[in-house]
Amino acid sequence: MAARITHATTHDIRFPTSRSLDGSDAMNEAPDYSAAYVILHVDNGPDGHGMTFTIGRGNELCCAAIDAVAKLIVGRDVEGLFADMGATWRLVTGDSHLRWTGPEKGVIHLAAAAIMNALWDMYGKVAGKPVWQLISEMSPEDMASLVDWRYLADALPPEEAIERLQDKAEGRAERTADLLTNGYPAYTTSAGWLGYSDDKIRALVSDALGQGWTHFKMKVGANLDDDCRRAGIIRDEIGPARYLMMDANQVWGVEQAIANMGRLADYAPYWIEEPTSPDDILGHARIARAVAPIKVATGEHCHNAVMFKQLMQAQALEIVQVDSCRLAGPNELLAVMLMADKFGLPVCPHAGGVGLCELIQHMSFVDYIAVSATHDNRVLEFVDHLHEHFLVPVTTRNGRYIPPSAPGFSVEMNEDSLEKYRYPDGAIWT
């Protein structure tokens, strides 16, 4: 009996991280990490679980948008959707009425991400494989067919993408074995939240060093003197050989970013993340030229592959930071990774927030196995918050991600967590 998607249920899930200032930064002083969470129910086979990420208020808007986008696939045959996931992506993102309210950007695109994440979760479960394995084992032609090349082919023609994937195909088995044995390099943001006291930062950094972490990220942007003091604390703790990254979370103007990094350069940051408005491509290019050799990293709020294309073409970023819930699922993430490989740029994804580590790890593994064929100069963000709410939480060892073996996309939440943290009537909120 063929499986069919019968209906979708949407859940507004919020975690009160504002109470401990976990996730605090210069733009978002007291976030509540939240998931606009969707379950795609089928009449025969495993359900698909997906989500998009917010920081509290506005999560209900994403849930409403998910309900609207889900109508495009309810009633459809699952096998038909999986047979051409490129066409499925265009179906989910291409409805003319919904595109008018947000063509591949904004709340509608966040909702498309949730739906696509849920479909890939279901696809992995049906295939009996984790999503990273499912995609990395595809032929170059099938992998390229996942991408909508309409607006991207001027930067990377699909024929060239296939050739590049073919060139990397020979070593896939060896890289997969290396990944399973040694994991994927990561960095931690857990010690560097803006709202943490100096003593807490020292203690968390010391603890992370004991766990084998070598790359650390701190939040900056609220007060430059405070930023310098906190950077000094972290640099003193980690020493000169380990990496320190900084994240301004969009709060600076272009001139301010250049001036502030002139002072913060004393602490040898590897990159400055989101130094200005995420939409200011030319501003990022000017900052990149001015603050070199400090690298400019951005992409967490880059709302589609076209903007990534222009950032690359304008030489406006040196670290590509894709996000599993900002872009519309693995299809669009793969498009950006393929372009980044063409432009010779490392992909170091954003993963702070509930569920983001669980999701994006899969795509970094795909990048290493099949796309870039390297993890040199690449680190995947890790934040040690809220993983206990997932059936298959991320695993790290010695500062590296260990790939999951369970089928699916690792994003399915425990039923108890869905019930307890449901907003506004879950036990944690009442």
Protein backbone atom coordinates (compact mmCIF):
# COMPACT_ATOMS: atom_id res chain seq x y z
CA MET A 1 0.00 0.00 0.00
CA ALA A 2 1.43 3.38 -1.05
CA ALA A 3 1.89 5.98 1.66
CA ARG A 4 0.11 9.31 1.49
CA ILE A 5 0.47 12.44 3.60
CA THR A 6 -2.86 12.71 5.38
CA HIS A 7 -2.38 15.88 7.43
CA ALA A 8 0.12 18.09 9.23
CA THR A 9 0.15 19.18 12.87
CA THR A 10 2.02 22.28 13.95
CA HIS A 11 3.38 22.95 17.43
CA ASP A 12 4.54 26.24 18.98
CA ILE A 13 7.43 25.06 21.20
CA ARG A 14 9.34 27.58 23.32
CA PHE A 15 12.13 27.14 25.86
CA PRO A 16 12.60 29.87 28.51
CA THR A 17 16.32 30.40 27.87
CA SER A 18 15.88 34.11 28.65
CA ARG A 19 15.80 33.18 32.34
CA SER A 20 19.48 32.16 32.27
CA LEU A 21 20.49 34.41 29.35
CA ASP A 22 21.58 31.42 27.31
CA GLY A 23 21.79 32.66 23.73
CA SER A 24 22.14 36.32 24.70
CA ASP A 25 23.90 38.65 22.28
CA ALA A 26 23.99 42.32 21.32
CA MET A 27 20.92 42.12 19.08
CA ASN A 28 18.96 39.54 21.08
CA GLU A 29 19.37 40.37 24.75
CA ALA A 30 17.08 37.70 26.24
CA PRO A 31 15.93 35.13 23.67
CA ASP A 32 13.62 32.21 24.28
CA TYR A 33 14.91 29.51 21.95
CA SER A 34 11.86 28.26 20.06
CA ALA A 35 10.79 25.81 17.40
CA ALA A 36 7.91 26.16 14.99
CA TYR A 37 7.59 22.41 14.81
CA VAL A 38 5.65 20.33 12.28
CA ILE A 39 4.76 16.65 12.01
CA LEU A 40 3.74 15.33 8.59
CA HIS A 41 1.44 12.37 9.22
CA VAL A 42 1.13 9.51 6.74
CA ASP A 43 -1.34 6.66 6.46
CA ASN A 44 1.36 4.02 5.92
CA GLY A 45 4.90 4.42 7.19
CA PRO A 46 6.90 6.78 9.41
CA ASP A 47 5.84 10.37 10.01
CA GLY A 48 8.19 13.22 9.16
CA HIS A 49 9.31 15.72 11.81
CA GLY A 50 10.69 19.15 10.97
CA MET A 51 11.05 22.63 12.37
CA THR A 52 12.21 26.15 11.85
CA PHE A 53 13.89 28.21 14.55
CA THR A 54 12.89 31.49 16.23
CA ILE A 55 13.70 33.18 19.52
CA GLY A 56 10.21 33.49 21.02
CA ARG A 57 7.66 36.09 20.00
CA GLY A 58 6.76 35.56 16.37
CA ASN A 59 6.93 31.79 16.63
CA GLU A 60 3.15 31.77 16.20
CA LEU A 61 3.58 33.52 12.83
CA CYS A 62 5.87 30.75 11.64
CA CYS A 63 3.39 28.14 12.81
CA ALA A 64 0.62 29.83 10.83
CA ALA A 65 2.87 29.97 7.77
CA ILE A 66 3.71 26.27 8.14
CA ASP A 67 -0.01 25.48 8.14
CA ALA A 68 -0.35 27.40 4.87
CA VAL A 69 2.64 25.77 3.17
CA ALA A 70 1.70 22.27 4.38
CA LYS A 71 -1.49 22.42 2.31
CA LEU A 72 0.67 22.13 -0.81
CA ILE A 73 1.72 18.56 0.06
CA VAL A 74 -1.16 17.14 2.12
CA GLY A 75 -2.84 14.38 0.14
CA ARG A 76 0.20 13.69 -2.01
CA ASP A 77 1.85 10.31 -2.51
CA VAL A 78 5.08 10.03 -0.53
CA GLU A 79 6.87 7.92 -3.12
CA GLY A 80 6.16 10.53 -5.77
CA LEU A 81 7.56 13.31 -3.59
CA PHE A 82 10.74 11.36 -2.88
CA ALA A 83 11.21 10.35 -6.53
CA ASP A 84 12.12 13.93 -7.45
CA MET A 85 13.03 15.99 -4.38
CA GLY A 86 14.12 18.84 -6.63
CA ALA A 87 10.60 19.11 -7.99
CA THR A 88 9.26 18.75 -4.44
CA TRP A 89 11.38 21.73 -3.35
CA ARG A 90 9.95 23.81 -6.19
CA LEU A 91 6.44 22.71 -5.19
CA VAL A 92 6.96 23.75 -1.56
CA THR A 93 8.63 27.08 -2.37
CA GLY A 94 6.91 27.97 -5.62
CA ASP A 95 3.21 28.56 -4.91
CA SER A 96 2.43 31.88 -6.62
CA HIS A 97 0.08 33.13 -3.88
CA LEU A 98 2.52 32.39 -1.07
CA ARG A 99 5.49 33.73 -3.05
CA TRP A 100 3.75 37.10 -3.20
CA THR A 101 3.87 37.26 0.61
CA GLY A 102 7.56 36.32 0.71
CA PRO A 103 9.37 34.99 -2.39
CA GLU A 104 12.09 32.80 -0.88
CA LYS A 105 12.48 34.99 2.15
CA GLY A 106 10.80 35.85 5.44
CA VAL A 107 8.23 33.84 7.34
CA ILE A 108 7.06 31.87 4.31
CA HIS A 109 10.58 30.67 3.56
CA LEU A 110 11.09 29.71 7.21
CA ALA A 111 7.91 27.66 6.91
CA ALA A 112 9.20 26.06 3.72
CA ALA A 113 12.34 25.09 5.66
CA ALA A 114 10.24 23.35 8.30
CA ILE A 115 8.27 21.41 5.68
CA MET A 116 11.36 20.40 3.70
CA ASN A 117 13.17 19.36 6.88
CA ALA A 118 10.18 17.18 7.76
CA LEU A 119 10.08 15.61 4.30
CA TRP A 120 13.78 14.78 4.42
CA ASP A 121 13.31 13.32 7.90
CA MET A 122 10.58 11.09 6.52
CA TYR A 123 12.66 10.21 3.45
CA GLY A 124 15.58 9.15 5.65
CA LYS A 125 13.34 7.02 7.83
CA VAL A 126 11.75 5.32 4.81
CA ALA A 127 15.20 4.66 3.33
CA GLY A 128 16.53 3.47 6.71
CA LYS A 129 19.42 5.96 6.64
CA PRO A 130 20.42 9.20 8.35
CA VAL A 131 19.98 12.13 5.97
CA TRP A 132 23.73 12.75 5.72
CA GLN A 133 24.24 9.24 4.37
CA LEU A 134 21.17 9.37 2.14
CA ILE A 135 22.41 12.49 0.32
CA SER A 136 26.14 11.73 0.29
CA GLU A 137 25.49 8.38 -1.39
CA MET A 138 23.55 9.97 -4.27
CA SER A 139 25.12 10.09 -7.72
CA PRO A 140 26.48 13.49 -8.78
CA GLU A 141 23.61 13.81 -11.24
CA ASP A 142 20.96 13.06 -8.60
CA MET A 143 22.59 15.40 -6.12
CA ALA A 144 22.66 18.26 -8.63
CA SER A 145 19.01 17.60 -9.49
CA LEU A 146 18.04 18.61 -5.94
CA VAL A 147 19.01 22.23 -6.68
CA ASP A 148 16.85 24.87 -8.38
CA TRP A 149 19.49 26.34 -10.72
CA ARG A 150 17.27 29.03 -12.20
CA TYR A 151 18.91 31.99 -10.43
CA LEU A 152 22.29 30.36 -9.73
CA ALA A 153 23.52 28.99 -13.06
CA ASP A 154 25.29 32.24 -13.98
CA ALA A 155 27.66 31.60 -11.04
CA LEU A 156 27.77 27.80 -11.26
CA PRO A 157 26.20 26.02 -14.25
CA PRO A 158 24.65 22.69 -13.22
CA GLU A 159 26.88 20.86 -15.70
CA GLU A 160 29.95 22.22 -13.92
CA ALA A 161 28.47 21.31 -10.53
CA ILE A 162 28.07 17.72 -11.72
CA GLU A 163 31.65 17.64 -12.98
CA ARG A 164 32.94 18.96 -9.65
CA LEU A 165 30.95 16.33 -7.78
CA GLN A 166 32.26 13.63 -10.09
CA ASP A 167 35.83 14.76 -9.40
CA LYS A 168 35.23 14.24 -5.66
CA ALA A 169 33.32 10.95 -5.96
CA GLU A 170 36.31 8.61 -5.85
CA GLY A 171 37.24 9.31 -2.22
CA ARG A 172 33.76 9.24 -0.70
CA ALA A 173 34.18 5.86 1.00
CA GLU A 174 37.46 6.86 2.64
CA ARG A 175 36.05 10.19 3.87
CA THR A 176 32.96 8.45 5.23
CA ALA A 177 35.14 6.03 7.15
CA ASP A 178 37.26 8.91 8.50
CA LEU A 179 34.12 10.77 9.56
CA LEU A 180 32.74 7.77 11.41
CA THR A 181 36.06 7.19 13.17
CA ASN A 182 37.23 10.72 13.91
CA GLY A 183 34.15 12.94 13.67
CA TYR A 184 33.88 16.46 12.24
CA PRO A 185 35.70 19.52 13.69
CA ALA A 186 33.56 21.93 15.71
CA TYR A 187 33.69 25.11 17.74
CA THR A 188 31.73 26.07 20.85
CA THR A 189 29.73 29.21 21.55
CA SER A 190 28.46 27.94 24.89
CA ALA A 191 30.96 29.95 26.95
CA GLY A 192 30.68 33.27 25.14
CA TRP A 193 27.12 34.54 25.56
CA LEU A 194 26.92 38.27 26.16
CA GLY A 195 24.86 38.04 29.35
CA TYR A 196 27.29 35.78 31.19
CA SER A 197 29.45 37.13 34.04
CA ASP A 198 33.24 37.16 33.76
CA ASP A 199 33.50 34.40 36.35
CA LYS A 200 31.03 32.23 34.47
CA ILE A 201 32.93 32.78 31.21
CA ARG A 202 36.21 31.73 32.85
CA ALA A 203 34.64 28.62 34.33
CA LEU A 204 32.92 27.58 31.10
CA VAL A 205 36.03 28.13 28.98
CA SER A 206 38.14 26.15 31.43
CA ASP A 207 35.62 23.33 31.37
CA ALA A 208 35.49 23.36 27.55
CA LEU A 209 39.28 23.18 27.35
CA GLY A 210 39.15 20.09 29.52
CA GLN A 211 36.71 18.53 27.04
CA GLY A 212 39.08 19.05 24.13
CA TRP A 213 37.67 22.20 22.50
CA THR A 214 40.14 24.28 20.49
CA HIS A 215 37.81 26.83 18.81
CA PHE A 216 35.75 29.32 20.84
CA LYS A 217 33.27 32.02 19.82
CA MET A 218 32.23 35.02 21.88
CA LYS A 219 29.49 37.59 21.39
CA VAL A 220 30.45 41.26 20.97
CA GLY A 221 28.69 44.49 20.08
CA ALA A 222 26.96 45.89 23.15
CA ASN A 223 29.92 47.82 24.65
CA LEU A 224 33.40 47.90 23.14
CA ASP A 225 35.23 48.19 26.46
CA ASP A 226 33.32 45.20 27.81
CA ASP A 227 34.05 43.31 24.59
CA CYS A 228 37.78 43.94 25.00
CA ARG A 229 37.74 42.86 28.63
CA ARG A 230 35.85 39.66 27.88
CA ALA A 231 38.04 38.90 24.86
CA GLY A 232 41.07 39.30 27.09
CA ILE A 233 39.64 36.83 29.59
CA ILE A 234 38.99 34.21 26.92
CA ARG A 235 42.31 34.73 25.17
CA ASP A 236 44.16 34.41 28.50
CA GLU A 237 42.31 31.15 29.20
CA ILE A 238 42.78 29.54 25.78
CA GLY A 239 46.28 30.82 25.02
CA PRO A 240 47.67 32.09 21.69
CA ALA A 241 47.48 28.84 19.70
CA ARG A 242 43.73 28.20 19.93
CA TYR A 243 41.11 29.98 17.87
CA LEU A 244 38.86 32.83 19.05
CA MET A 245 35.97 33.98 16.86
CA MET A 246 33.71 36.99 17.42
CA ASP A 247 30.05 37.59 16.55
CA ALA A 248 28.49 41.08 16.45
CA ASN A 249 25.00 39.86 15.49
CA GLN A 250 24.40 42.69 12.99
CA VAL A 251 24.43 45.60 15.46
CA TRP A 252 27.21 47.72 13.91
CA GLY A 253 27.19 50.06 10.94
CA VAL A 254 29.95 49.65 8.37
CA GLU A 255 32.24 52.38 9.73
CA GLN A 256 31.62 51.27 13.31
CA ALA A 257 32.46 47.67 12.46
CA ILE A 258 35.77 48.68 10.90
CA ALA A 259 36.69 50.91 13.83
CA ASN A 260 35.68 48.41 16.51
CA MET A 261 37.58 45.56 14.89
CA GLY A 262 40.62 47.80 14.90
CA ARG A 263 40.60 47.52 18.70
CA LEU A 264 39.43 43.93 18.92
CA ALA A 265 42.21 42.87 16.57
CA ASP A 266 44.51 42.97 19.62
CA TYR A 267 42.94 39.66 20.71
CA ALA A 268 43.69 37.90 17.40
CA PRO A 269 40.15 36.93 16.32
CA TYR A 270 39.97 34.45 13.46
CA TRP A 271 36.72 35.94 12.15
CA ILE A 272 34.12 38.60 12.83
CA GLU A 273 30.63 37.26 12.26
CA GLU A 274 27.67 39.36 11.08
CA PRO A 275 29.52 42.68 11.48
CA THR A 276 26.65 44.68 9.97
CA SER A 277 23.21 44.31 8.39
CA PRO A 278 22.94 40.82 6.87
CA ASP A 279 21.44 42.36 3.71
CA ASP A 280 24.32 44.79 3.08
CA ILE A 281 26.43 42.93 0.56
CA LEU A 282 28.60 45.92 -0.41
CA GLY A 283 29.00 46.86 3.26
CA HIS A 284 30.32 43.39 4.01
CA ALA A 285 32.73 43.67 1.08
CA ARG A 286 34.11 46.96 2.40
CA ILE A 287 34.49 45.56 5.92
CA ALA A 288 36.24 42.47 4.58
CA ARG A 289 38.83 44.59 2.81
CA ALA A 290 39.35 46.86 5.82
CA VAL A 291 39.71 44.28 8.61
CA ALA A 292 41.87 41.70 6.79
CA PRO A 293 43.49 39.38 7.75
CA ILE A 294 40.54 38.94 10.14
CA LYS A 295 37.94 37.08 8.12
CA VAL A 296 34.32 38.13 7.64
CA ALA A 297 31.74 35.41 8.30
CA THR A 298 28.04 35.73 7.56
CA GLY A 299 24.97 33.85 6.37
CA GLU A 300 22.96 33.02 9.48
CA HIS A 301 20.35 35.57 8.34
CA CYS A 302 21.00 35.26 4.60
CA HIS A 303 17.55 34.35 3.44
CA ASN A 304 18.19 32.49 0.18
CA ALA A 305 20.83 31.05 -2.13
CA VAL A 306 20.70 34.07 -4.44
CA MET A 307 22.00 36.36 -1.69
CA PHE A 308 24.77 33.90 -0.94
CA LYS A 309 25.66 33.92 -4.63
CA GLN A 310 25.99 37.71 -4.62
CA LEU A 311 28.02 37.75 -1.39
CA MET A 312 30.44 35.32 -2.99
CA GLN A 313 30.60 37.20 -6.28
CA ALA A 314 31.25 40.49 -4.45
CA GLN A 315 34.02 38.94 -2.32
CA ALA A 316 32.02 40.10 0.69
CA LEU A 317 32.53 37.05 2.91
CA GLU A 318 35.29 34.56 3.59
CA ILE A 319 33.37 32.16 5.83
CA VAL A 320 30.01 30.84 4.59
CA GLN A 321 27.52 30.32 7.42
CA VAL A 322 24.45 28.47 6.18
CA ASP A 323 21.55 27.77 8.54
CA SER A 324 19.20 24.76 8.34
CA CYS A 325 16.12 26.78 9.23
CA ARG A 326 16.81 30.01 7.34
CA LEU A 327 17.35 28.33 3.98
CA ALA A 328 14.63 25.96 2.80
CA GLY A 329 16.13 22.66 3.80
CA PRO A 330 18.90 20.43 2.37
CA ASN A 331 18.16 21.32 -1.27
CA GLU A 332 19.02 24.98 -0.84
CA LEU A 333 21.83 24.27 1.61
CA LEU A 334 23.40 22.00 -0.98
CA ALA A 335 23.14 24.75 -3.59
CA VAL A 336 25.11 27.14 -1.38
CA MET A 337 27.72 24.51 -0.51
CA LEU A 338 28.26 23.77 -4.19
CA MET A 339 28.75 27.46 -4.95
CA ALA A 340 31.07 27.87 -1.97
CA ASP A 341 33.21 25.03 -3.29
CA LYS A 342 33.35 26.74 -6.69
CA PHE A 343 34.46 30.02 -5.07
CA GLY A 344 36.96 28.29 -2.78
CA LEU A 345 35.18 29.33 0.42
CA PRO A 346 34.85 27.17 3.55
CA VAL A 347 31.35 26.42 4.86
CA CYS A 348 31.19 26.80 8.65
CA PRO A 349 27.46 26.56 9.41
CA HIS A 350 25.49 28.38 12.06
CA ALA A 351 24.07 26.00 14.64
CA GLY A 352 23.22 27.98 17.78
CA GLY A 353 19.64 27.40 18.90
CA VAL A 354 17.29 24.54 19.59
CA GLY A 355 17.48 21.79 16.95
CA LEU A 356 19.95 23.59 14.71
CA CYS A 357 22.91 21.42 15.74
CA GLU A 358 20.83 18.28 15.18
CA LEU A 359 19.89 19.38 11.66
CA ILE A 360 22.96 21.10 10.21
CA GLN A 361 25.45 18.43 11.26
CA HIS A 362 24.06 16.28 8.44
CA MET A 363 24.88 18.89 5.81
CA SER A 364 28.44 19.46 7.05
CA PHE A 365 28.97 15.72 6.72
CA VAL A 366 27.61 15.86 3.15
CA ASP A 367 29.97 18.76 2.41
CA TYR A 368 32.97 16.78 3.61
CA ILE A 369 32.07 13.47 1.97
CA ALA A 370 30.73 14.64 -1.40
CA VAL A 371 31.08 18.38 -2.06
CA SER A 372 34.30 19.98 -0.82
CA ALA A 373 36.01 16.70 0.14
CA THR A 374 37.83 18.46 2.97
CA HIS A 375 37.28 19.80 6.45
CA ASP A 376 40.38 22.00 6.37
CA ASN A 377 39.54 25.47 7.71
CA ARG A 378 36.03 24.24 8.49
CA VAL A 379 34.38 24.09 11.90
CA LEU A 380 30.74 23.46 12.74
CA GLU A 381 29.16 25.46 15.55
CA PHE A 382 28.10 23.68 18.72
CA VAL A 383 25.95 25.07 21.52
CA ASP A 384 25.41 22.87 24.54
CA HIS A 385 21.75 23.67 25.12
CA LEU A 386 18.48 21.71 24.85
CA HIS A 387 19.76 18.56 23.14
CA GLU A 388 18.07 16.39 25.75
CA HIS A 389 14.70 17.15 24.15
CA PHE A 390 15.48 15.15 20.98
CA LEU A 391 15.23 11.42 20.41
CA VAL A 392 18.62 11.46 18.68
CA PRO A 393 20.61 14.31 20.26
CA VAL A 394 23.95 15.40 18.83
CA THR A 395 27.07 13.70 20.10
CA THR A 396 30.44 15.44 20.41
CA ARG A 397 33.81 14.06 21.49
CA ASN A 398 37.05 16.02 21.88
CA GLY A 399 35.58 19.04 20.14
CA ARG A 400 34.19 17.09 17.17
CA TYR A 401 30.73 16.02 16.03
CA ILE A 402 30.14 12.27 15.85
CA PRO A 403 27.72 11.33 13.02
CA PRO A 404 24.34 9.85 13.99
CA SER A 405 23.42 6.42 12.68
CA ALA A 406 19.66 6.57 13.30
CA PRO A 407 17.50 7.00 10.18
CA GLY A 408 16.07 10.47 9.58
CA PHE A 409 17.14 14.05 10.25
CA SER A 410 17.74 13.84 14.04
CA VAL A 411 15.11 16.51 14.67
CA GLU A 412 12.29 14.46 16.22
CA MET A 413 11.49 15.74 19.72
CA ASN A 414 10.43 13.69 22.70
CA GLU A 415 6.67 13.69 23.18
CA ASP A 416 7.11 14.87 26.78
CA SER A 417 9.07 17.91 25.59
CA LEU A 418 6.45 18.77 22.99
CA GLU A 419 3.83 18.68 25.71
CA LYS A 420 5.75 20.46 28.47
CA TYR A 421 7.12 23.34 26.37
CA ARG A 422 4.08 23.98 24.20
CA TYR A 423 3.27 27.70 24.23
CA PRO A 424 1.30 29.14 25.97
CA ASP A 425 -0.34 26.24 27.82
CA GLY A 426 2.55 23.81 28.41
CA ALA A 427 3.55 23.11 32.00
CA ILE A 428 6.74 25.20 31.81
CA TRP A 429 4.70 28.27 30.83
CA THR A 430 1.74 27.86 33.12
